[in-house]
Amino acid sequence: MKEFQKGLEAYNIEKSNGEFNSPEEWISLVLKDHEGNIVGGITTSTLYWAQYLEAFWVDAKYRGLGYGRDLVLEA
């Protein structure tokens, strides 16, 4: 299995000009109410050209209003 992983990574690093194994910065966004209180947020990471949702929360008072969708789309 190690040989397979090693070959896969080497091939993809070569074909992607070294970008295959280059993680990007994490993206974190917060949702605030009109008074500036944090009422939600999202944290994502990226690796291998894919974005991963790491943490996601919207206060119960603001759920079902589309704010969660907006956070995901913005990230």
N, C-alpha and C. Protein backbone atom coordinates (compact mmCIF):
# COMPACT_ATOMS: atom_id res chain seq x y z
N MET A 1 0.81 -1.20 0.00
CA MET A 1 0.00 0.00 0.00
C MET A 1 0.86 1.26 0.00
N LYS A 2 1.98 1.23 0.70
CA LYS A 2 2.86 2.40 0.73
C LYS A 2 3.40 2.74 -0.66
N GLU A 3 3.72 1.72 -1.43
CA GLU A 3 4.21 1.94 -2.79
C GLU A 3 3.14 2.60 -3.65
N PHE A 4 1.90 2.15 -3.50
CA PHE A 4 0.80 2.74 -4.26
C PHE A 4 0.65 4.23 -3.90
N GLN A 5 0.61 4.54 -2.60
CA GLN A 5 0.47 5.92 -2.15
C GLN A 5 1.62 6.78 -2.64
N LYS A 6 2.82 6.26 -2.55
CA LYS A 6 4.00 7.00 -2.99
C LYS A 6 3.93 7.28 -4.49
N GLY A 7 3.57 6.29 -5.27
CA GLY A 7 3.45 6.46 -6.71
C GLY A 7 2.34 7.43 -7.09
N LEU A 8 1.20 7.32 -6.41
CA LEU A 8 0.07 8.21 -6.67
C LEU A 8 0.44 9.65 -6.39
N GLU A 9 1.06 9.91 -5.27
CA GLU A 9 1.44 11.27 -4.92
C GLU A 9 2.49 11.82 -5.88
N ALA A 10 3.50 11.03 -6.22
CA ALA A 10 4.54 11.48 -7.14
C ALA A 10 3.96 11.82 -8.51
N TYR A 11 3.08 10.98 -9.00
CA TYR A 11 2.45 11.21 -10.30
C TYR A 11 1.64 12.50 -10.30
N ASN A 12 0.82 12.68 -9.27
CA ASN A 12 -0.04 13.86 -9.21
C ASN A 12 0.73 15.14 -8.96
N ILE A 13 1.78 15.09 -8.18
CA ILE A 13 2.62 16.27 -7.98
C ILE A 13 3.28 16.67 -9.30
N GLU A 14 3.75 15.69 -10.05
CA GLU A 14 4.36 15.97 -11.35
C GLU A 14 3.35 16.58 -12.32
N LYS A 15 2.18 15.99 -12.42
CA LYS A 15 1.16 16.44 -13.38
C LYS A 15 0.51 17.77 -12.99
N SER A 16 0.57 18.13 -11.72
CA SER A 16 -0.06 19.37 -11.27
C SER A 16 0.95 20.48 -10.99
N ASN A 17 2.17 20.31 -11.50
CA ASN A 17 3.23 21.30 -11.27
C ASN A 17 3.45 21.57 -9.78
N GLY A 18 3.33 20.54 -8.96
CA GLY A 18 3.59 20.65 -7.53
C GLY A 18 2.42 21.11 -6.69
N GLU A 19 1.30 21.44 -7.31
CA GLU A 19 0.16 21.96 -6.57
C GLU A 19 -0.68 20.88 -5.89
N PHE A 20 -0.55 19.64 -6.29
CA PHE A 20 -1.38 18.56 -5.75
C PHE A 20 -1.29 18.48 -4.24
N ASN A 21 -0.15 18.68 -3.69
CA ASN A 21 0.06 18.52 -2.26
C ASN A 21 0.28 19.85 -1.56
N SER A 22 -0.35 20.92 -2.08
CA SER A 22 -0.18 22.24 -1.50
C SER A 22 -1.48 22.73 -0.86
N PRO A 23 -1.63 22.51 0.42
CA PRO A 23 -2.86 22.99 1.06
C PRO A 23 -2.93 24.51 1.04
N GLU A 24 -4.11 25.03 0.91
CA GLU A 24 -4.33 26.46 0.95
C GLU A 24 -4.70 26.86 2.38
N GLU A 25 -4.82 28.15 2.59
CA GLU A 25 -5.20 28.62 3.92
C GLU A 25 -6.63 28.21 4.24
N TRP A 26 -6.91 28.13 5.52
CA TRP A 26 -8.27 27.85 5.97
C TRP A 26 -9.11 29.10 5.77
N ILE A 27 -10.38 28.90 5.50
CA ILE A 27 -11.32 30.01 5.35
C ILE A 27 -12.27 29.95 6.53
N SER A 28 -12.36 31.05 7.26
CA SER A 28 -13.27 31.14 8.39
C SER A 28 -14.10 32.40 8.24
N LEU A 29 -15.41 32.26 8.38
CA LEU A 29 -16.33 33.38 8.30
C LEU A 29 -17.25 33.35 9.51
N VAL A 30 -17.66 34.52 9.99
CA VAL A 30 -18.62 34.58 11.09
C VAL A 30 -19.86 35.34 10.63
N LEU A 31 -20.95 35.01 11.26
CA LEU A 31 -22.24 35.67 11.03
C LEU A 31 -22.55 36.48 12.28
N LYS A 32 -22.83 37.78 12.09
CA LYS A 32 -23.13 38.65 13.24
C LYS A 32 -24.52 39.24 13.09
N ASP A 33 -25.15 39.45 14.24
CA ASP A 33 -26.45 40.11 14.22
C ASP A 33 -26.24 41.62 14.11
N HIS A 34 -27.31 42.39 14.15
CA HIS A 34 -27.22 43.85 14.00
C HIS A 34 -26.48 44.54 15.14
N GLU A 35 -26.34 43.85 16.26
CA GLU A 35 -25.62 44.41 17.41
C GLU A 35 -24.16 43.98 17.44
N GLY A 36 -23.74 43.19 16.46
CA GLY A 36 -22.35 42.75 16.39
C GLY A 36 -22.05 41.46 17.12
N ASN A 37 -23.07 40.80 17.64
CA ASN A 37 -22.87 39.51 18.32
C ASN A 37 -22.70 38.41 17.29
N ILE A 38 -21.77 37.51 17.53
CA ILE A 38 -21.56 36.37 16.63
C ILE A 38 -22.68 35.37 16.85
N VAL A 39 -23.40 35.05 15.77
CA VAL A 39 -24.53 34.13 15.87
C VAL A 39 -24.38 32.93 14.92
N GLY A 40 -23.19 32.80 14.34
CA GLY A 40 -22.93 31.67 13.46
C GLY A 40 -21.55 31.78 12.87
N GLY A 41 -21.15 30.72 12.18
CA GLY A 41 -19.85 30.75 11.53
C GLY A 41 -19.55 29.46 10.80
N ILE A 42 -18.51 29.54 10.01
CA ILE A 42 -18.07 28.38 9.22
C ILE A 42 -16.55 28.40 9.12
N THR A 43 -15.95 27.23 9.14
CA THR A 43 -14.52 27.08 8.93
C THR A 43 -14.33 25.99 7.89
N THR A 44 -13.55 26.27 6.87
CA THR A 44 -13.26 25.28 5.84
C THR A 44 -11.75 25.19 5.61
N SER A 45 -11.32 24.07 5.10
CA SER A 45 -9.93 23.90 4.68
C SER A 45 -9.93 23.43 3.24
N THR A 46 -8.80 23.58 2.60
CA THR A 46 -8.67 23.09 1.22
C THR A 46 -7.42 22.24 1.10
N LEU A 47 -7.53 21.22 0.28
CA LEU A 47 -6.41 20.34 -0.01
C LEU A 47 -6.74 19.57 -1.27
N TYR A 48 -5.76 19.43 -2.13
CA TYR A 48 -5.95 18.71 -3.39
C TYR A 48 -7.09 19.32 -4.20
N TRP A 49 -7.17 20.63 -4.24
CA TRP A 49 -8.19 21.37 -5.01
C TRP A 49 -9.61 21.11 -4.55
N ALA A 50 -9.78 20.63 -3.35
CA ALA A 50 -11.12 20.39 -2.81
C ALA A 50 -11.26 21.19 -1.52
N GLN A 51 -12.45 21.66 -1.27
CA GLN A 51 -12.73 22.41 -0.06
C GLN A 51 -13.52 21.52 0.90
N TYR A 52 -13.10 21.51 2.15
CA TYR A 52 -13.72 20.68 3.17
C TYR A 52 -14.34 21.54 4.26
N LEU A 53 -15.60 21.29 4.58
CA LEU A 53 -16.27 21.99 5.66
C LEU A 53 -15.81 21.35 6.97
N GLU A 54 -15.13 22.11 7.79
CA GLU A 54 -14.58 21.59 9.05
C GLU A 54 -15.52 21.83 10.23
N ALA A 55 -16.09 23.03 10.30
CA ALA A 55 -16.99 23.36 11.40
C ALA A 55 -18.04 24.34 10.88
N PHE A 56 -19.27 24.18 11.39
CA PHE A 56 -20.38 24.99 10.91
C PHE A 56 -21.39 25.12 12.03
N TRP A 57 -21.85 26.36 12.26
CA TRP A 57 -22.82 26.57 13.32
C TRP A 57 -23.63 27.83 13.03
N VAL A 58 -24.92 27.76 13.26
CA VAL A 58 -25.81 28.92 13.23
C VAL A 58 -26.70 28.81 14.45
N ASP A 59 -26.78 29.89 15.22
CA ASP A 59 -27.62 29.92 16.41
C ASP A 59 -29.05 29.52 16.04
N ALA A 60 -29.71 28.80 16.93
CA ALA A 60 -31.06 28.30 16.67
C ALA A 60 -32.04 29.41 16.27
N LYS A 61 -31.86 30.59 16.80
CA LYS A 61 -32.73 31.73 16.50
C LYS A 61 -32.66 32.13 15.02
N TYR A 62 -31.53 31.84 14.37
CA TYR A 62 -31.32 32.27 13.00
C TYR A 62 -31.37 31.13 11.98
N ARG A 63 -31.68 29.94 12.43
CA ARG A 63 -31.77 28.78 11.53
C ARG A 63 -33.03 28.85 10.69
N GLY A 64 -32.95 28.30 9.50
CA GLY A 64 -34.09 28.25 8.60
C GLY A 64 -34.33 29.54 7.84
N LEU A 65 -33.43 30.50 7.97
CA LEU A 65 -33.58 31.79 7.31
C LEU A 65 -32.63 31.98 6.13
N GLY A 66 -31.84 30.95 5.85
CA GLY A 66 -30.92 31.01 4.71
C GLY A 66 -29.52 31.49 5.04
N TYR A 67 -29.26 31.82 6.31
CA TYR A 67 -27.93 32.30 6.67
C TYR A 67 -26.87 31.21 6.55
N GLY A 68 -27.22 29.99 6.89
CA GLY A 68 -26.28 28.88 6.75
C GLY A 68 -25.90 28.67 5.30
N ARG A 69 -26.89 28.68 4.43
CA ARG A 69 -26.63 28.54 2.99
C ARG A 69 -25.70 29.67 2.52
N ASP A 70 -25.97 30.88 2.98
CA ASP A 70 -25.14 32.02 2.58
C ASP A 70 -23.70 31.84 3.05
N LEU A 71 -23.51 31.33 4.26
CA LEU A 71 -22.14 31.10 4.76
C LEU A 71 -21.42 30.07 3.89
N VAL A 72 -22.10 28.98 3.57
CA VAL A 72 -21.49 27.93 2.73
C VAL A 72 -21.14 28.48 1.35
N LEU A 73 -22.05 29.20 0.75
CA LEU A 73 -21.78 29.76 -0.58
C LEU A 73 -20.66 30.78 -0.57
N GLU A 74 -20.61 31.58 0.47
CA GLU A 74 -19.54 32.60 0.58
C GLU A 74 -18.17 31.95 0.76
N ALA A 75 -18.13 30.90 1.56
CA ALA A 75 -16.85 30.20 1.77
C ALA A 75 -16.38 29.58 0.47
